[in-house]
N, C-alpha and C. Protein backbone atom coordinates (compact mmCIF):
# COMPACT_ATOMS: atom_id res chain seq x y z
N MET A 1 188.15 95.81 95.44
CA MET A 1 188.48 97.11 94.89
C MET A 1 188.91 97.00 93.44
N ALA A 2 189.61 95.94 93.08
CA ALA A 2 190.09 95.77 91.70
C ALA A 2 188.94 95.62 90.72
N ILE A 3 187.84 95.03 91.17
CA ILE A 3 186.67 94.86 90.29
C ILE A 3 186.13 96.21 89.86
N PHE A 4 186.01 97.15 90.79
CA PHE A 4 185.49 98.47 90.47
C PHE A 4 186.42 99.22 89.53
N GLN A 5 187.72 99.08 89.71
CA GLN A 5 188.67 99.74 88.82
C GLN A 5 188.53 99.20 87.40
N SER A 6 188.35 97.89 87.27
CA SER A 6 188.18 97.28 85.95
C SER A 6 186.93 97.81 85.26
N GLU A 7 185.81 97.88 85.97
CA GLU A 7 184.57 98.40 85.40
C GLU A 7 184.71 99.87 85.04
N GLU A 8 185.41 100.61 85.89
CA GLU A 8 185.61 102.04 85.62
C GLU A 8 186.46 102.24 84.37
N ASN A 9 187.53 101.44 84.21
CA ASN A 9 188.37 101.53 83.02
C ASN A 9 187.59 101.18 81.76
N GLU A 10 186.72 100.17 81.85
CA GLU A 10 185.91 99.76 80.70
C GLU A 10 184.99 100.90 80.26
N LYS A 11 184.36 101.58 81.21
CA LYS A 11 183.46 102.69 80.88
C LYS A 11 184.23 103.87 80.29
N LYS A 12 185.47 104.10 80.75
CA LYS A 12 186.29 105.18 80.20
C LYS A 12 186.65 104.91 78.74
N GLU A 13 186.90 103.64 78.40
CA GLU A 13 187.27 103.27 77.04
C GLU A 13 186.06 103.26 76.11
N THR A 14 184.85 103.11 76.65
CA THR A 14 183.64 103.07 75.86
C THR A 14 183.21 104.49 75.52
N GLU A 15 183.02 104.74 74.23
CA GLU A 15 182.65 106.08 73.78
C GLU A 15 181.17 106.36 73.99
N THR A 16 180.31 105.35 73.74
CA THR A 16 178.87 105.54 73.82
C THR A 16 178.25 104.44 74.68
N VAL A 17 177.37 104.84 75.61
CA VAL A 17 176.66 103.89 76.45
C VAL A 17 175.16 104.14 76.28
N ILE A 18 174.44 103.08 75.94
CA ILE A 18 172.98 103.14 75.90
C ILE A 18 172.53 102.38 77.14
N GLY A 19 172.12 103.13 78.15
CA GLY A 19 171.81 102.58 79.46
C GLY A 19 170.59 101.69 79.48
N PRO A 20 170.39 100.97 80.58
CA PRO A 20 169.29 100.00 80.69
C PRO A 20 167.90 100.62 80.58
N SER A 21 167.74 101.89 80.90
CA SER A 21 166.42 102.53 80.82
C SER A 21 166.21 103.28 79.51
N VAL A 22 167.16 103.17 78.57
CA VAL A 22 167.11 103.93 77.32
C VAL A 22 166.64 103.05 76.17
N LYS A 23 165.75 103.63 75.32
CA LYS A 23 165.30 102.95 74.11
C LYS A 23 165.61 103.87 72.93
N VAL A 24 166.40 103.39 71.99
CA VAL A 24 166.81 104.17 70.83
C VAL A 24 166.14 103.59 69.59
N GLU A 25 165.53 104.45 68.77
CA GLU A 25 164.93 104.02 67.51
C GLU A 25 165.55 104.83 66.38
N GLY A 26 165.97 104.12 65.33
CA GLY A 26 166.57 104.79 64.17
C GLY A 26 167.92 104.20 63.83
N ASN A 27 168.66 104.92 63.01
CA ASN A 27 169.97 104.48 62.56
C ASN A 27 171.04 105.08 63.46
N PHE A 28 171.82 104.22 64.08
CA PHE A 28 172.84 104.65 65.04
C PHE A 28 174.20 104.33 64.45
N LYS A 29 175.05 105.35 64.28
CA LYS A 29 176.36 105.16 63.67
C LYS A 29 177.41 105.84 64.53
N GLY A 30 178.49 105.12 64.85
CA GLY A 30 179.57 105.68 65.65
C GLY A 30 180.91 105.19 65.15
N LYS A 31 181.97 105.81 65.66
CA LYS A 31 183.32 105.39 65.29
C LYS A 31 184.06 104.76 66.46
N GLY A 32 183.50 104.83 67.66
CA GLY A 32 184.15 104.30 68.86
C GLY A 32 183.43 103.09 69.42
N ASP A 33 183.90 102.64 70.58
CA ASP A 33 183.30 101.50 71.28
C ASP A 33 181.91 101.86 71.78
N ILE A 34 180.98 100.89 71.68
CA ILE A 34 179.59 101.11 72.09
C ILE A 34 179.20 100.01 73.08
N LEU A 35 178.53 100.41 74.15
CA LEU A 35 177.98 99.48 75.13
C LEU A 35 176.47 99.67 75.14
N VAL A 36 175.72 98.59 74.89
CA VAL A 36 174.26 98.65 74.90
C VAL A 36 173.74 97.83 76.07
N GLU A 37 173.00 98.49 76.95
CA GLU A 37 172.35 97.83 78.08
C GLU A 37 170.83 97.94 77.96
N GLY A 38 170.36 98.82 77.07
CA GLY A 38 168.93 99.06 76.89
C GLY A 38 168.41 98.43 75.61
N GLU A 39 167.55 99.19 74.88
CA GLU A 39 166.94 98.70 73.64
C GLU A 39 167.36 99.56 72.47
N LEU A 40 167.52 98.92 71.31
CA LEU A 40 167.85 99.65 70.10
C LEU A 40 167.10 99.00 68.94
N HIS A 41 166.38 99.81 68.15
CA HIS A 41 165.62 99.33 66.99
C HIS A 41 166.07 100.15 65.79
N GLY A 42 166.40 99.49 64.68
CA GLY A 42 166.81 100.19 63.46
C GLY A 42 168.08 99.60 62.89
N SER A 43 169.19 100.33 63.00
CA SER A 43 170.49 99.82 62.58
C SER A 43 171.56 100.39 63.49
N LEU A 44 172.65 99.63 63.65
CA LEU A 44 173.75 100.06 64.50
C LEU A 44 175.05 99.73 63.78
N LYS A 45 175.93 100.72 63.66
CA LYS A 45 177.20 100.51 62.98
C LYS A 45 178.29 101.28 63.72
N THR A 46 179.44 100.60 63.96
CA THR A 46 180.60 101.23 64.54
C THR A 46 181.86 100.61 63.96
N ASN A 47 182.93 101.39 63.94
CA ASN A 47 184.21 100.89 63.44
C ASN A 47 184.96 100.10 64.52
N LYS A 48 184.53 100.22 65.76
CA LYS A 48 185.23 99.57 66.88
C LYS A 48 184.37 98.43 67.44
N SER A 49 184.39 98.25 68.76
CA SER A 49 183.70 97.12 69.37
C SER A 49 182.29 97.48 69.86
N LEU A 50 181.46 96.45 69.91
CA LEU A 50 180.10 96.55 70.43
C LEU A 50 179.95 95.52 71.53
N LYS A 51 179.50 95.97 72.70
CA LYS A 51 179.20 95.06 73.81
C LYS A 51 177.72 95.17 74.10
N VAL A 52 177.04 94.02 74.14
CA VAL A 52 175.60 93.97 74.36
C VAL A 52 175.37 93.25 75.69
N GLY A 53 174.87 93.99 76.67
CA GLY A 53 174.63 93.45 78.01
C GLY A 53 173.52 92.40 78.04
N ALA A 54 173.47 91.64 79.11
CA ALA A 54 172.54 90.52 79.26
C ALA A 54 171.08 90.92 79.15
N SER A 55 170.72 92.12 79.58
CA SER A 55 169.31 92.55 79.53
C SER A 55 169.00 93.38 78.29
N ALA A 56 169.99 93.61 77.44
CA ALA A 56 169.80 94.44 76.24
C ALA A 56 169.07 93.69 75.14
N VAL A 57 168.27 94.43 74.36
CA VAL A 57 167.55 93.88 73.21
C VAL A 57 167.82 94.78 72.01
N ILE A 58 168.37 94.21 70.96
CA ILE A 58 168.64 94.95 69.73
C ILE A 58 167.85 94.30 68.60
N LYS A 59 167.01 95.11 67.95
CA LYS A 59 166.27 94.66 66.76
C LYS A 59 166.78 95.52 65.62
N ALA A 60 167.89 95.07 65.01
CA ALA A 60 168.57 95.93 64.05
C ALA A 60 169.58 95.14 63.23
N GLU A 61 169.97 95.72 62.11
CA GLU A 61 171.13 95.25 61.37
C GLU A 61 172.33 95.82 62.11
N VAL A 62 173.31 94.96 62.43
CA VAL A 62 174.43 95.37 63.27
C VAL A 62 175.75 95.14 62.55
N GLU A 63 176.65 96.14 62.65
CA GLU A 63 177.98 96.01 62.07
C GLU A 63 179.00 96.63 63.02
N ALA A 64 180.05 95.85 63.35
CA ALA A 64 181.12 96.33 64.23
C ALA A 64 182.38 95.52 63.95
N SER A 65 183.49 95.98 64.48
CA SER A 65 184.74 95.24 64.32
C SER A 65 184.69 93.95 65.16
N THR A 66 184.38 94.12 66.45
CA THR A 66 184.21 92.97 67.34
C THR A 66 182.89 93.13 68.08
N ILE A 67 182.24 91.99 68.36
CA ILE A 67 180.95 92.02 69.05
C ILE A 67 180.99 91.01 70.19
N PHE A 68 180.64 91.48 71.39
CA PHE A 68 180.51 90.63 72.57
C PHE A 68 179.03 90.65 72.94
N LEU A 69 178.36 89.52 72.79
CA LEU A 69 176.91 89.45 72.97
C LEU A 69 176.54 88.63 74.19
N ALA A 70 175.87 89.27 75.15
CA ALA A 70 175.31 88.58 76.30
C ALA A 70 173.79 88.69 76.30
N GLY A 71 173.24 89.64 75.53
CA GLY A 71 171.80 89.86 75.45
C GLY A 71 171.21 89.28 74.18
N THR A 72 170.26 90.02 73.56
CA THR A 72 169.52 89.53 72.40
C THR A 72 169.71 90.45 71.21
N ILE A 73 169.99 89.85 70.05
CA ILE A 73 169.99 90.57 68.78
C ILE A 73 169.06 89.85 67.82
N ARG A 74 168.12 90.62 67.23
CA ARG A 74 167.25 90.12 66.17
C ARG A 74 167.57 90.92 64.92
N GLY A 75 168.36 90.32 64.04
CA GLY A 75 168.79 91.00 62.83
C GLY A 75 170.13 90.44 62.38
N ASN A 76 170.52 90.75 61.16
CA ASN A 76 171.78 90.26 60.63
C ASN A 76 172.95 91.01 61.25
N VAL A 77 174.05 90.28 61.43
CA VAL A 77 175.21 90.82 62.13
C VAL A 77 176.47 90.63 61.28
N LYS A 78 177.27 91.69 61.19
CA LYS A 78 178.55 91.61 60.50
C LYS A 78 179.63 92.09 61.46
N ALA A 79 180.55 91.19 61.79
CA ALA A 79 181.67 91.53 62.68
C ALA A 79 182.95 91.37 61.87
N GLY A 80 183.64 92.47 61.64
CA GLY A 80 184.85 92.45 60.81
C GLY A 80 185.92 91.51 61.33
N GLU A 81 186.03 91.39 62.65
CA GLU A 81 187.07 90.54 63.24
C GLU A 81 186.50 89.33 63.97
N LYS A 82 185.60 89.56 64.94
CA LYS A 82 185.20 88.47 65.83
C LYS A 82 183.84 88.76 66.46
N ILE A 83 183.09 87.68 66.72
CA ILE A 83 181.86 87.78 67.51
C ILE A 83 181.91 86.68 68.57
N GLU A 84 181.54 87.07 69.79
CA GLU A 84 181.52 86.13 70.91
C GLU A 84 180.13 86.11 71.52
N LEU A 85 179.52 84.92 71.57
CA LEU A 85 178.21 84.74 72.18
C LEU A 85 178.40 84.05 73.53
N THR A 86 177.95 84.70 74.60
CA THR A 86 178.06 84.11 75.93
C THR A 86 176.89 83.13 76.13
N GLU A 87 176.86 82.47 77.28
CA GLU A 87 175.81 81.48 77.55
C GLU A 87 174.42 82.10 77.61
N SER A 88 174.31 83.40 77.85
CA SER A 88 172.99 84.05 77.91
C SER A 88 172.60 84.71 76.58
N ALA A 89 173.47 84.65 75.58
CA ALA A 89 173.24 85.32 74.30
C ALA A 89 172.13 84.66 73.49
N LYS A 90 171.37 85.51 72.78
CA LYS A 90 170.34 85.04 71.86
C LYS A 90 170.51 85.83 70.57
N LEU A 91 170.82 85.13 69.49
CA LEU A 91 171.03 85.78 68.20
C LEU A 91 170.14 85.13 67.16
N PHE A 92 169.23 85.93 66.58
CA PHE A 92 168.30 85.47 65.56
C PHE A 92 168.59 86.27 64.29
N GLY A 93 169.45 85.73 63.45
CA GLY A 93 169.85 86.41 62.23
C GLY A 93 171.12 85.79 61.69
N ASN A 94 171.48 86.18 60.49
CA ASN A 94 172.69 85.67 59.84
C ASN A 94 173.92 86.43 60.33
N VAL A 95 175.05 85.73 60.34
CA VAL A 95 176.30 86.29 60.83
C VAL A 95 177.37 86.20 59.74
N GLU A 96 178.14 87.27 59.59
CA GLU A 96 179.32 87.27 58.73
C GLU A 96 180.49 87.76 59.57
N THR A 97 181.54 86.93 59.69
CA THR A 97 182.68 87.26 60.54
C THR A 97 183.89 86.41 60.17
N LYS A 98 185.05 86.76 60.71
CA LYS A 98 186.25 85.94 60.53
C LYS A 98 186.33 84.88 61.62
N ASN A 99 185.95 85.23 62.85
CA ASN A 99 186.02 84.32 64.00
C ASN A 99 184.72 84.39 64.79
N ILE A 100 184.28 83.22 65.29
CA ILE A 100 183.07 83.18 66.11
C ILE A 100 183.30 82.23 67.28
N SER A 101 182.76 82.63 68.43
CA SER A 101 182.83 81.81 69.63
C SER A 101 181.42 81.74 70.20
N ILE A 102 180.91 80.51 70.39
CA ILE A 102 179.56 80.32 70.90
C ILE A 102 179.63 79.47 72.16
N ALA A 103 179.27 80.06 73.29
CA ALA A 103 179.30 79.34 74.57
C ALA A 103 178.12 78.38 74.66
N SER A 104 178.30 77.33 75.44
CA SER A 104 177.22 76.38 75.69
C SER A 104 176.07 77.11 76.37
N GLY A 105 174.86 76.93 75.85
CA GLY A 105 173.68 77.59 76.39
C GLY A 105 173.23 78.77 75.56
N ALA A 106 174.10 79.29 74.69
CA ALA A 106 173.73 80.40 73.82
C ALA A 106 172.75 79.92 72.76
N THR A 107 171.91 80.84 72.26
CA THR A 107 170.97 80.53 71.19
C THR A 107 171.42 81.26 69.93
N PHE A 108 171.60 80.51 68.84
CA PHE A 108 171.96 81.11 67.56
C PHE A 108 171.10 80.45 66.50
N ASN A 109 170.23 81.25 65.87
CA ASN A 109 169.33 80.74 64.84
C ASN A 109 169.55 81.58 63.58
N GLY A 110 170.36 81.07 62.68
CA GLY A 110 170.68 81.77 61.44
C GLY A 110 171.81 81.07 60.73
N LYS A 111 172.33 81.71 59.71
CA LYS A 111 173.44 81.16 58.94
C LYS A 111 174.71 81.92 59.31
N CYS A 112 175.84 81.24 59.20
CA CYS A 112 177.12 81.87 59.51
C CYS A 112 178.05 81.75 58.31
N LEU A 113 178.59 82.87 57.88
CA LEU A 113 179.56 82.91 56.80
C LEU A 113 180.87 83.39 57.38
N MET A 114 181.90 82.53 57.31
CA MET A 114 183.20 82.89 57.86
C MET A 114 184.19 83.01 56.72
N GLN A 115 184.87 84.15 56.64
CA GLN A 115 185.87 84.35 55.60
C GLN A 115 187.11 84.97 56.21
N SER A 116 188.25 84.60 55.64
CA SER A 116 189.50 85.24 56.05
C SER A 116 189.71 86.46 55.17
N GLU A 117 190.83 87.12 55.35
CA GLU A 117 191.11 88.31 54.55
C GLU A 117 191.28 87.95 53.09
N GLU A 118 191.78 86.74 52.84
CA GLU A 118 191.94 86.29 51.47
C GLU A 118 190.57 85.97 50.90
N THR A 119 190.41 86.17 49.63
CA THR A 119 189.14 85.85 48.99
C THR A 119 188.98 84.34 48.96
N VAL A 120 187.87 83.87 49.47
CA VAL A 120 187.59 82.45 49.49
C VAL A 120 186.73 82.12 48.29
N SER A 121 187.20 81.17 47.47
CA SER A 121 186.41 80.76 46.33
C SER A 121 186.50 79.25 46.19
N GLU A 122 185.45 78.67 45.65
CA GLU A 122 185.44 77.24 45.43
C GLU A 122 186.30 76.91 44.23
N PRO A 123 187.08 75.84 44.31
CA PRO A 123 187.89 75.46 43.16
C PRO A 123 186.97 74.97 42.03
N GLU A 124 187.40 75.19 40.80
CA GLU A 124 186.62 74.70 39.67
C GLU A 124 186.83 73.21 39.54
N LEU A 125 185.75 72.47 39.46
CA LEU A 125 185.82 71.03 39.31
C LEU A 125 185.58 70.68 37.85
N PRO A 126 186.28 69.65 37.35
CA PRO A 126 186.05 69.25 35.96
C PRO A 126 184.68 68.62 35.81
N LYS A 127 184.06 68.81 34.65
CA LYS A 127 182.77 68.18 34.36
C LYS A 127 183.01 66.76 33.89
N ILE A 128 182.13 65.88 34.31
CA ILE A 128 182.24 64.48 33.92
C ILE A 128 181.14 64.17 32.93
N ASN A 129 181.52 63.58 31.80
CA ASN A 129 180.58 63.22 30.75
C ASN A 129 180.12 61.79 31.02
N ASN A 130 178.84 61.59 31.30
CA ASN A 130 178.31 60.27 31.64
C ASN A 130 177.50 59.63 30.51
N GLN A 131 177.72 60.00 29.27
CA GLN A 131 176.98 59.42 28.15
C GLN A 131 177.51 58.04 27.84
N LYS A 132 176.60 57.09 27.46
CA LYS A 132 176.99 55.73 27.10
C LYS A 132 177.79 55.73 25.81
N GLY A 133 178.74 54.81 25.73
CA GLY A 133 179.51 54.66 24.51
C GLY A 133 180.66 55.64 24.40
N ARG A 134 180.82 56.51 25.36
CA ARG A 134 181.93 57.47 25.33
C ARG A 134 182.85 57.18 26.49
N ASN A 135 184.02 57.61 26.36
CA ASN A 135 185.00 57.47 27.42
C ASN A 135 184.66 58.45 28.54
N ASN A 136 184.52 58.02 29.75
CA ASN A 136 184.16 58.89 30.87
C ASN A 136 185.38 59.61 31.42
N LYS A 137 185.89 60.55 30.65
CA LYS A 137 187.03 61.35 31.09
C LYS A 137 186.55 62.73 31.50
N ALA A 138 187.27 63.30 32.41
CA ALA A 138 186.93 64.66 32.85
C ALA A 138 187.26 65.65 31.74
N GLU A 139 186.33 66.55 31.50
CA GLU A 139 186.54 67.58 30.50
C GLU A 139 186.83 68.88 31.21
N LYS A 140 187.78 69.62 30.68
CA LYS A 140 188.09 70.93 31.24
C LYS A 140 187.26 71.97 30.55
N ASN A 141 186.83 72.99 31.30
CA ASN A 141 186.04 74.10 30.72
C ASN A 141 186.91 75.03 29.95
């Protein structure tokens, strides 16, 4: 009985559900939690969480606060806080996020850029002069 209550609570908290028999084409934008069990082609953006079911297929640029992926995404993904790939997840695209979790068995083919809230920059390194007859000291720019 507790399992059904948990699933029921999850659906109540989810603002938008794209069911397994639904195919959406175009730009999809929301402010609440989204659950995708069907297909989506185009772009998807939400300020809250995105959950992608095991049988779901998304061919889109995706942006959300948190992303839980059990299905397939083909496109670049930006998760403001966190992205979690389960063992059945397939992600073909670049990822930008603060935190990422990839389960054993998941497929991830792309680049990952992880940044904290602070601006990440490479420190400036001094240039080294390698000419013969000169002192090899580091020069500051």
